[in-house]
Amino acid sequence: MSSVGQTSSSPVSATQIPLPPSSAHSIREDEPTSHHEAASQPANATGKAEEKTGPTVQQSWEKLILEIEKYDDGTVKNWKEDIDTLLVFAGLFSAVVTAFLIESYQWLSEDPADTTVVLLAHISMQLSTSQPIPLERPEFKPDASSIRINCFWFLSFVFSLTSALFGLLCKQWLREQQRDPPTTTPAEALGLRQMRRDSFDKWGVSPFLSVLPILLEVALLFFFVGILDLLWDRHPIPFAFCLFAIVLSAGLYFVTTFLPTLAYVLWNRTAGSRIRSYYFICPYKSPQAWAFYHLSVKVLRALQVVPSLIPIWRNGLDGQGSQPQTGPH
């Protein structure tokens, strides 16, 4: 009995007391292994993300077509905006020229009021005498100034309407260029687009679009010349003012046409004498400026050929002159 009481009353070690289960992670020897597994999970997720497949061939074709269509749409949009601006200006300018033509074309025929005055004067003279008086009327001939003015203004009117006509035609061509026919694959659509683009350039549609503003500018110059011819015979003061304004406007026009080519030539001449990290590009680029540049290049190339031909020509003459003369001995 005493031994049993002693046993029941003896203290119990703390390590022998059972503990309730805890929701926290247990601290054991295998804990580093669990940490490695937890750390490897994001790495495996990243690896899986990197193992995603790239775009398919179909998706690549579609993306390429979208980029090309974006470029083509921007180019065609710029052309259409230029044509719309040209049509508006051509319409307004044609209306102005028409107002002048309504008055000027009458100068080419005899004025009915003058004919009436001549007939009334003849009747009055016939009534004042008993002798018959023959009616002598000189043949009407318009003066040279009236003929020139009408030529200039009618040419201006024709060029203005011609630019508007071809502007409408170009809009139709651009609309056909953007038409999307049904195709089976994106590759066929891209090939059709490239064929249209090459044909567009081969048939010279882009230079044709560039010529339209030049037609309107020529029409404007003809109109200015007609105004100067009109004022030349009327009064010197209005003629002087209009001449100054027109010469100033035309001078600026031709300067902006010639200056890009001249600036490029001058830069090439000075490029060898001093080193430049950059140079200022002349921004006055227009269809007429490009035309003048290409014409200048052809002329300069032709002039460069001429000096090379002179030595050949001289050598030919010297060779003919130095040939020994053969004669009877």
Protein backbone atom coordinates (compact mmCIF):
# COMPACT_ATOMS: atom_id res chain seq x y z
CA MET A 1 0.00 0.00 0.00
CA SER A 2 2.74 2.37 0.90
CA SER A 3 4.53 1.63 -2.29
CA VAL A 4 1.43 2.36 -4.32
CA GLY A 5 0.88 5.68 -2.55
CA GLN A 6 4.43 6.65 -3.12
CA THR A 7 4.13 5.88 -6.77
CA SER A 8 0.96 7.93 -7.20
CA SER A 9 2.37 10.86 -5.35
CA SER A 10 5.70 10.95 -7.22
CA PRO A 11 6.11 13.88 -9.65
CA VAL A 12 5.72 13.28 -13.45
CA SER A 13 8.38 14.53 -15.88
CA ALA A 14 7.36 17.40 -18.22
CA THR A 15 8.51 15.50 -21.23
CA GLN A 16 6.09 12.72 -20.46
CA ILE A 17 2.99 14.95 -20.47
CA PRO A 18 1.06 14.47 -23.74
CA LEU A 19 0.35 17.70 -25.69
CA PRO A 20 -2.73 18.42 -27.84
CA PRO A 21 -2.22 18.57 -31.61
CA SER A 22 -1.22 22.05 -32.90
CA SER A 23 -2.24 23.73 -36.16
CA ALA A 24 1.23 25.30 -36.53
CA HIS A 25 3.97 23.64 -38.57
CA SER A 26 5.79 21.06 -36.60
CA ILE A 27 9.46 21.53 -35.94
CA ARG A 28 11.08 18.31 -36.94
CA GLU A 29 14.18 17.13 -38.67
CA ASP A 30 12.39 16.89 -42.00
CA GLU A 31 11.37 20.60 -41.92
CA PRO A 32 14.16 21.77 -44.34
CA THR A 33 12.87 19.28 -46.86
CA SER A 34 9.39 20.82 -46.67
CA HIS A 35 10.91 24.27 -47.20
CA HIS A 36 12.70 23.06 -50.32
CA GLU A 37 9.46 21.68 -51.67
CA ALA A 38 7.65 24.98 -50.96
CA ALA A 39 10.40 26.96 -52.65
CA SER A 40 10.39 24.68 -55.66
CA GLN A 41 6.68 25.27 -56.34
CA PRO A 42 7.09 28.92 -57.67
CA ALA A 43 10.06 27.79 -59.73
CA ASN A 44 8.01 25.03 -61.28
CA ALA A 45 5.22 27.55 -62.00
CA THR A 46 7.69 29.89 -63.68
CA GLY A 47 9.08 27.06 -65.73
CA LYS A 48 5.62 26.11 -66.87
CA ALA A 49 4.93 29.73 -67.86
CA GLU A 50 8.15 29.79 -69.85
CA GLU A 51 7.23 26.55 -71.54
CA LYS A 52 4.17 28.17 -73.15
CA THR A 53 4.14 27.81 -76.90
CA GLY A 54 4.79 30.89 -79.15
CA PRO A 55 2.38 32.26 -81.78
CA THR A 56 1.26 29.90 -84.47
CA VAL A 57 1.91 30.42 -88.16
CA GLN A 58 -1.66 31.55 -88.69
CA GLN A 59 -1.37 34.14 -85.93
CA SER A 60 1.93 35.42 -87.37
CA TRP A 61 0.36 35.89 -90.82
CA GLU A 62 -2.62 37.70 -89.33
CA LYS A 63 -0.40 40.02 -87.30
CA LEU A 64 1.71 40.79 -90.37
CA ILE A 65 -1.40 41.59 -92.41
CA LEU A 66 -2.69 43.92 -89.69
CA GLU A 67 0.58 45.88 -89.67
CA ILE A 68 0.64 46.16 -93.46
CA GLU A 69 -3.00 47.22 -93.59
CA LYS A 70 -2.26 49.90 -91.01
CA TYR A 71 0.55 51.26 -93.21
CA ASP A 72 -1.56 51.11 -96.39
CA ASP A 73 -4.53 52.77 -94.72
CA GLY A 74 -2.33 55.64 -93.54
CA THR A 75 -0.86 56.15 -97.00
CA VAL A 76 -4.23 56.06 -98.75
CA LYS A 77 -5.71 58.36 -96.12
CA ASN A 78 -3.03 60.97 -96.80
CA TRP A 79 -3.67 60.73 -100.54
CA LYS A 80 -7.40 61.11 -100.08
CA GLU A 81 -6.97 64.14 -97.85
CA ASP A 82 -4.73 65.77 -100.46
CA ILE A 83 -7.26 65.05 -103.20
CA ASP A 84 -10.14 66.41 -101.12
CA THR A 85 -8.21 69.62 -100.46
CA LEU A 86 -7.40 69.89 -104.16
CA LEU A 87 -11.04 69.41 -105.14
CA VAL A 88 -12.20 72.12 -102.76
CA PHE A 89 -9.59 74.58 -104.00
CA ALA A 90 -10.26 73.68 -107.64
CA GLY A 91 -13.98 74.30 -107.15
CA LEU A 92 -13.47 77.69 -105.53
CA PHE A 93 -10.86 78.73 -108.07
CA SER A 94 -13.02 77.65 -111.00
CA ALA A 95 -15.88 79.75 -109.65
CA VAL A 96 -13.60 82.81 -109.46
CA VAL A 97 -12.29 82.29 -112.99
CA THR A 98 -15.83 81.80 -114.29
CA ALA A 99 -16.82 85.22 -112.95
CA PHE A 100 -14.00 86.79 -114.96
CA LEU A 101 -14.75 84.74 -118.07
CA ILE A 102 -18.38 85.85 -118.13
CA GLU A 103 -17.14 89.38 -118.67
CA SER A 104 -14.04 88.76 -120.77
CA TYR A 105 -15.47 86.47 -123.45
CA GLN A 106 -17.78 89.28 -124.55
CA TRP A 107 -14.72 91.24 -125.65
CA LEU A 108 -14.23 88.76 -128.50
CA SER A 109 -17.48 89.72 -130.23
CA GLU A 110 -19.04 93.02 -131.18
CA ASP A 111 -21.04 94.79 -128.53
CA PRO A 112 -24.75 94.91 -129.48
CA ALA A 113 -25.03 98.34 -127.87
CA ASP A 114 -22.38 99.70 -130.23
CA THR A 115 -24.22 98.20 -133.20
CA THR A 116 -27.43 99.87 -132.07
CA VAL A 117 -25.71 103.25 -131.76
CA VAL A 118 -24.26 102.94 -135.28
CA LEU A 119 -27.65 102.02 -136.76
CA LEU A 120 -29.43 104.89 -135.00
CA ALA A 121 -26.80 107.35 -136.23
CA HIS A 122 -27.21 106.05 -139.77
CA ILE A 123 -30.99 106.38 -139.59
CA SER A 124 -30.67 109.94 -138.30
CA MET A 125 -28.35 110.85 -141.16
CA GLN A 126 -30.67 109.19 -143.65
CA LEU A 127 -33.65 111.20 -142.41
CA SER A 128 -31.78 114.47 -142.62
CA THR A 129 -31.07 114.12 -146.34
CA SER A 130 -32.92 112.91 -149.37
CA GLN A 131 -29.90 111.13 -150.81
CA PRO A 132 -29.45 107.52 -149.80
CA ILE A 133 -26.40 107.02 -147.63
CA PRO A 134 -24.79 103.63 -147.74
CA LEU A 135 -24.16 102.00 -144.42
CA GLU A 136 -20.44 101.55 -144.00
CA ARG A 137 -19.47 99.51 -141.02
CA PRO A 138 -15.93 98.29 -140.52
CA GLU A 139 -15.53 94.63 -139.73
CA PHE A 140 -15.20 94.00 -136.02
CA LYS A 141 -11.83 92.67 -134.89
CA PRO A 142 -11.05 92.14 -131.21
CA ASP A 143 -7.85 93.71 -130.02
CA ALA A 144 -4.81 91.58 -129.26
CA SER A 145 -5.03 92.23 -125.53
CA SER A 146 -8.56 90.81 -125.32
CA ILE A 147 -7.47 87.71 -127.23
CA ARG A 148 -4.48 87.12 -124.94
CA ILE A 149 -6.48 87.65 -121.76
CA ASN A 150 -9.15 85.19 -122.84
CA CYS A 151 -6.50 82.65 -123.82
CA PHE A 152 -4.86 82.87 -120.39
CA TRP A 153 -8.10 82.71 -118.45
CA PHE A 154 -9.66 79.91 -120.49
CA LEU A 155 -6.46 77.88 -120.13
CA SER A 156 -6.58 78.51 -116.41
CA PHE A 157 -10.20 77.35 -116.30
CA VAL A 158 -9.42 74.21 -118.31
CA PHE A 159 -6.42 73.25 -116.16
CA SER A 160 -8.46 73.76 -113.00
CA LEU A 161 -11.27 71.51 -114.20
CA THR A 162 -8.77 68.95 -115.47
CA SER A 163 -7.14 68.68 -112.05
CA ALA A 164 -10.57 68.20 -110.47
CA LEU A 165 -11.49 65.54 -113.05
CA PHE A 166 -8.36 63.50 -112.48
CA GLY A 167 -8.73 63.98 -108.74
CA LEU A 168 -12.08 62.18 -108.92
CA LEU A 169 -10.50 59.43 -111.02
CA CYS A 170 -7.72 58.99 -108.47
CA LYS A 171 -10.23 58.63 -105.65
CA GLN A 172 -11.88 55.82 -107.61
CA TRP A 173 -8.51 54.13 -108.10
CA LEU A 174 -7.75 54.38 -104.39
CA ARG A 175 -11.12 52.93 -103.48
CA GLU A 176 -10.46 49.97 -105.76
CA GLN A 177 -6.99 49.63 -104.23
CA GLN A 178 -8.51 49.18 -100.76
CA ARG A 179 -11.18 46.70 -101.82
CA ASP A 180 -10.80 43.39 -99.99
CA PRO A 181 -11.69 40.41 -102.20
CA PRO A 182 -12.40 37.09 -100.49
CA THR A 183 -9.28 35.00 -99.92
CA THR A 184 -8.87 31.59 -98.35
CA THR A 185 -5.65 32.16 -96.39
CA PRO A 186 -3.79 35.17 -94.97
CA ALA A 187 -0.84 34.31 -97.21
CA GLU A 188 -3.04 34.75 -100.29
CA ALA A 189 -4.34 38.07 -98.95
CA LEU A 190 -0.79 39.29 -98.38
CA GLY A 191 0.30 38.16 -101.85
CA LEU A 192 -2.67 39.93 -103.45
CA ARG A 193 -1.87 43.08 -101.52
CA GLN A 194 1.77 43.00 -102.68
CA MET A 195 0.71 42.43 -106.29
CA ARG A 196 -1.62 45.43 -106.12
CA ARG A 197 1.08 47.57 -104.56
CA ASP A 198 3.63 46.66 -107.23
CA SER A 199 1.07 47.28 -109.98
CA PHE A 200 0.19 50.60 -108.36
CA ASP A 201 3.81 51.71 -108.63
CA LYS A 202 4.40 50.10 -112.03
CA TRP A 203 1.55 52.04 -113.66
CA GLY A 204 2.73 55.32 -112.16
CA VAL A 205 -0.28 56.12 -110.00
CA SER A 206 1.85 57.75 -107.30
CA PRO A 207 3.53 60.21 -109.74
CA PHE A 208 0.13 60.84 -111.29
CA LEU A 209 -1.22 61.86 -107.89
CA SER A 210 1.74 64.20 -107.47
CA VAL A 211 1.04 65.93 -110.80
CA LEU A 212 -2.50 67.01 -109.83
CA PRO A 213 -1.44 69.94 -107.60
CA ILE A 214 0.98 71.08 -110.31
CA LEU A 215 -1.91 71.39 -112.78
CA LEU A 216 -3.76 73.61 -110.35
CA GLU A 217 -0.66 75.72 -109.74
CA VAL A 218 -0.18 76.19 -113.49
CA ALA A 219 -3.81 77.28 -113.73
CA LEU A 220 -3.20 79.85 -111.01
CA LEU A 221 -0.14 81.21 -112.84
CA PHE A 222 -2.13 81.58 -116.08
CA PHE A 223 -4.80 83.50 -114.18
CA PHE A 224 -2.21 85.87 -112.73
CA VAL A 225 -0.71 86.52 -116.17
CA GLY A 226 -4.17 87.34 -117.52
CA ILE A 227 -4.75 89.84 -114.71
CA LEU A 228 -1.45 91.58 -115.46
CA ASP A 229 -2.29 91.74 -119.17
CA LEU A 230 -5.68 93.22 -118.34
CA LEU A 231 -4.28 95.93 -116.09
CA TRP A 232 -1.42 96.76 -118.47
CA ASP A 233 -3.81 98.50 -120.86
CA ARG A 234 -6.13 99.89 -118.22
CA HIS A 235 -4.06 101.85 -115.69
CA PRO A 236 -0.40 101.75 -114.59
CA ILE A 237 -0.98 102.09 -110.83
CA PRO A 238 -3.14 98.95 -110.34
CA PHE A 239 -0.79 97.15 -112.69
CA ALA A 240 2.23 98.09 -110.56
CA PHE A 241 0.63 96.92 -107.31
CA CYS A 242 -0.56 93.63 -108.79
CA LEU A 243 2.80 93.07 -110.47
CA PHE A 244 4.61 93.48 -107.15
CA ALA A 245 2.26 91.06 -105.35
CA ILE A 246 2.36 88.46 -108.12
CA VAL A 247 6.15 88.63 -108.53
CA LEU A 248 6.56 88.21 -104.76
CA SER A 249 4.21 85.21 -104.66
CA ALA A 250 5.72 83.58 -107.74
CA GLY A 251 9.23 84.26 -106.45
CA LEU A 252 8.52 82.47 -103.18
CA TYR A 253 6.97 79.62 -105.12
CA PHE A 254 10.02 79.13 -107.33
CA VAL A 255 12.44 79.61 -104.43
CA THR A 256 10.78 76.80 -102.47
CA THR A 257 10.97 74.71 -105.64
CA PHE A 258 14.68 75.25 -106.30
CA LEU A 259 15.99 75.57 -102.74
CA PRO A 260 15.99 71.86 -101.72
CA THR A 261 18.18 70.96 -104.71
CA LEU A 262 20.48 73.94 -104.23
CA ALA A 263 20.85 73.25 -100.50
CA TYR A 264 21.78 69.63 -101.21
CA VAL A 265 24.35 70.64 -103.83
CA LEU A 266 25.90 73.26 -101.55
CA TRP A 267 26.10 70.81 -98.68
CA ASN A 268 27.91 68.28 -100.88
CA ARG A 269 30.41 70.94 -101.94
CA THR A 270 31.19 71.95 -98.35
CA ALA A 271 31.09 68.45 -96.86
CA GLY A 272 34.69 67.76 -97.88
CA SER A 273 36.09 70.95 -96.37
CA ARG A 274 34.66 70.52 -92.89
CA ILE A 275 33.29 67.63 -90.93
CA ARG A 276 29.72 67.85 -89.74
CA SER A 277 27.93 65.60 -87.35
CA TYR A 278 24.61 66.61 -88.89
CA TYR A 279 23.17 69.07 -91.34
CA PHE A 280 19.82 70.80 -91.63
CA ILE A 281 17.52 69.18 -94.17
CA CYS A 282 15.51 71.61 -96.28
CA PRO A 283 11.83 70.91 -95.54
CA TYR A 284 10.48 72.52 -98.73
CA LYS A 285 9.66 69.20 -100.38
CA SER A 286 6.88 69.20 -102.96
CA PRO A 287 6.12 67.41 -106.25
CA GLN A 288 7.58 70.27 -108.28
CA ALA A 289 10.69 70.32 -106.05
CA TRP A 290 11.23 66.60 -106.63
CA ALA A 291 10.72 67.09 -110.38
CA PHE A 292 13.33 69.86 -110.43
CA TYR A 293 15.73 67.68 -108.43
CA HIS A 294 15.45 64.73 -110.83
CA LEU A 295 15.81 67.06 -113.83
CA SER A 296 18.91 68.64 -112.28
CA VAL A 297 20.46 65.23 -111.64
CA LYS A 298 19.97 64.21 -115.27
CA VAL A 299 21.40 67.49 -116.56
CA LEU A 300 24.44 67.28 -114.27
CA ARG A 301 25.11 63.70 -115.32
CA ALA A 302 24.92 64.73 -118.96
CA LEU A 303 27.35 67.58 -118.32
CA GLN A 304 29.75 65.21 -116.59
CA VAL A 305 29.81 63.00 -119.66
CA VAL A 306 30.77 65.87 -121.99
CA PRO A 307 34.28 66.52 -120.52
CA SER A 308 35.04 62.81 -120.67
CA LEU A 309 34.12 62.76 -124.35
CA ILE A 310 36.43 65.67 -125.25
CA PRO A 311 39.72 63.77 -124.61
CA ILE A 312 38.39 60.82 -126.59
CA TRP A 313 37.47 63.11 -129.45
CA ARG A 314 40.89 64.77 -129.32
CA ASN A 315 42.67 61.45 -129.25
CA GLY A 316 40.68 60.38 -132.25
CA LEU A 317 41.68 63.50 -134.15
CA ASP A 318 45.31 63.16 -133.09
CA GLY A 319 45.32 59.54 -134.13
CA GLN A 320 43.93 60.36 -137.53
CA GLY A 321 46.44 63.20 -137.98
CA SER A 322 49.43 61.09 -136.92
CA GLN A 323 48.78 58.29 -139.35
CA PRO A 324 51.68 57.92 -141.81
CA GLN A 325 50.88 58.94 -145.32
CA THR A 326 51.43 56.23 -147.83
CA GLY A 327 52.26 57.21 -151.35
CA PRO A 328 54.12 56.05 -154.38
CA HIS A 329 57.83 55.71 -153.87
